[in-house]
Protein backbone atom coordinates (compact mmCIF):
# COMPACT_ATOMS: atom_id res chain seq x y z
CA UNK A 1 168.67 60.72 77.06
CA UNK A 2 166.19 58.40 75.31
CA UNK A 3 163.70 58.62 78.19
CA UNK A 4 163.87 62.43 78.12
CA UNK A 5 163.34 62.53 74.35
CA UNK A 6 160.35 60.15 74.67
CA UNK A 7 158.80 62.25 77.44
CA UNK A 8 159.35 65.55 75.67
CA UNK A 9 158.03 64.26 72.36
CA UNK A 10 154.98 62.91 74.16
CA UNK A 11 154.29 66.31 75.70
CA UNK A 12 154.84 68.09 72.38
CA UNK A 13 151.23 67.53 71.34
CA UNK A 14 148.36 69.74 72.47
CA UNK A 15 145.91 67.08 73.69
CA UNK A 16 148.60 65.12 75.54
CA UNK A 17 149.88 68.29 77.18
CA UNK A 18 146.33 69.14 78.29
CA UNK A 19 145.88 65.63 79.73
CA UNK A 20 149.17 65.86 81.56
CA UNK A 21 148.41 69.32 82.99
CA UNK A 22 144.94 68.22 84.10
CA UNK A 23 146.39 65.22 85.90
CA UNK A 24 149.18 67.26 87.49
CA UNK A 25 146.48 69.45 89.03
CA UNK A 26 144.66 66.34 90.32
CA UNK A 27 147.69 65.04 92.17
CA UNK A 28 148.28 61.38 93.01
CA UNK A 29 144.56 60.50 93.12
CA UNK A 30 144.25 61.06 89.38
CA UNK A 31 141.03 60.81 87.39
CA UNK A 32 139.03 58.07 85.73
CA UNK A 33 139.37 57.96 81.96
CA UNK A 34 135.75 59.04 81.51
CA UNK A 35 136.30 62.08 83.72
CA UNK A 36 139.36 63.08 81.67
CA UNK A 37 137.41 62.67 78.43
CA UNK A 38 134.57 64.82 79.77
CA UNK A 39 136.84 67.51 81.22
CA UNK A 40 138.77 67.90 77.97
CA UNK A 41 135.94 67.07 75.56
CA UNK A 42 137.99 64.32 73.93
CA UNK A 43 136.40 61.19 72.39
CA UNK A 44 137.28 57.97 74.23
CA UNK A 45 139.28 56.36 71.39
CA UNK A 46 141.34 59.53 70.96
CA UNK A 47 141.88 59.76 74.71
CA UNK A 48 143.04 56.13 74.87
CA UNK A 49 145.59 56.78 72.13
CA UNK A 50 147.04 59.83 73.90
CA UNK A 51 147.03 58.25 77.36
CA UNK A 52 148.87 55.21 75.99
CA UNK A 53 151.50 57.55 74.52
CA UNK A 54 151.99 59.37 77.85
CA UNK A 55 152.11 56.08 79.75
CA UNK A 56 154.76 54.59 77.43
CA UNK A 57 156.79 57.77 77.92
CA UNK A 58 156.77 57.18 81.69
CA UNK A 59 154.65 60.24 82.52
CA UNK A 60 151.38 58.55 83.55
CA UNK A 61 150.44 55.47 85.51
CA UNK A 62 147.17 53.58 85.67
CA UNK A 63 145.26 51.71 88.35
CA UNK A 64 141.93 49.91 88.31
CA UNK A 65 139.19 51.16 90.63
CA UNK A 66 136.24 48.82 90.25
CA UNK A 67 135.30 49.00 86.58
CA UNK A 68 137.17 52.25 85.97
CA UNK A 69 140.73 52.87 84.88
CA UNK A 70 142.16 55.76 86.86
CA UNK A 71 145.13 57.66 85.47
CA UNK A 72 147.55 59.79 87.45
CA UNK A 73 150.85 61.49 86.81
CA UNK A 74 153.84 59.25 87.42
CA UNK A 75 155.55 61.83 89.60
CA UNK A 76 158.85 59.95 89.64
CA UNK A 77 158.94 60.08 85.84
CA UNK A 78 158.11 63.78 85.87
CA UNK A 79 160.77 64.41 88.50
CA UNK A 80 163.35 62.46 86.46
CA UNK A 81 162.59 64.57 83.39
CA UNK A 82 162.89 67.85 85.30
CA UNK A 83 166.14 66.73 86.90
CA UNK A 84 167.52 65.73 83.51
CA UNK A 85 166.59 69.12 82.05
CA UNK A 86 168.17 71.09 84.90
CA UNK A 87 171.23 68.91 85.53
CA UNK A 88 174.40 71.00 85.61
CA UNK A 89 172.25 74.12 85.44
CA UNK A 90 174.15 77.36 84.93
CA UNK A 91 177.66 75.87 85.03
CA UNK A 92 178.54 77.93 88.08
CA UNK A 93 176.72 81.07 86.91
CA UNK A 94 173.56 81.17 89.06
CA UNK A 95 172.50 84.55 87.60
CA UNK A 96 171.63 82.71 84.37
CA UNK A 97 169.05 80.58 86.18
CA UNK A 98 167.62 83.31 88.42
CA UNK A 99 163.87 82.89 88.74
CA UNK A 100 163.69 79.34 87.34
CA UNK A 101 161.63 77.13 89.67
CA UNK A 102 163.79 74.19 90.70
CA UNK A 103 161.54 72.55 93.27
CA UNK A 104 157.91 72.80 94.22
CA UNK A 105 156.17 71.40 97.25
CA UNK A 106 152.43 71.18 97.52
CA UNK A 107 150.64 72.10 100.69
CA UNK A 108 147.73 70.05 101.92
CA UNK A 109 145.06 70.55 104.53
CA UNK A 110 144.46 68.14 107.42
CA UNK A 111 142.41 65.82 105.18
CA UNK A 112 145.40 65.38 102.88
CA UNK A 113 143.67 67.20 100.01
CA UNK A 114 145.82 69.62 98.11
CA UNK A 115 144.94 73.28 98.46
CA UNK A 116 146.48 73.89 95.02
CA UNK A 117 149.18 76.12 96.46
CA UNK A 118 152.79 75.52 95.77
CA UNK A 119 155.92 76.82 97.38
CA UNK A 120 158.51 77.19 94.67
CA UNK A 121 162.22 77.59 95.30
CA UNK A 122 163.95 79.77 92.74
CA UNK A 123 167.67 79.82 92.03
């Protein structure tokens, strides 16, 4: 419960939600902090504050690439949050959840790069 509250409260802020959505689109490769700042037109100190918040909430992870810090979505943390939110969904009444995406799988070309298409399974 605490982890879900931390994650949801972290996402309940416009800049952090934009960061998270940008990094979801990037997939596991993520983006360097400077690229995130440029893409979202966010000053570096502000970006650092928001990224730290998302990281503490278990939604982002960081790796060093040379002199750059590269941030990516912590997909396990995101998956845990989604599973928590949909646990015991519908209580045996699937018509209540009709149309809610429960799982998405990305497709990739031969190079392993995402084609930004998702297959979504609905209830």
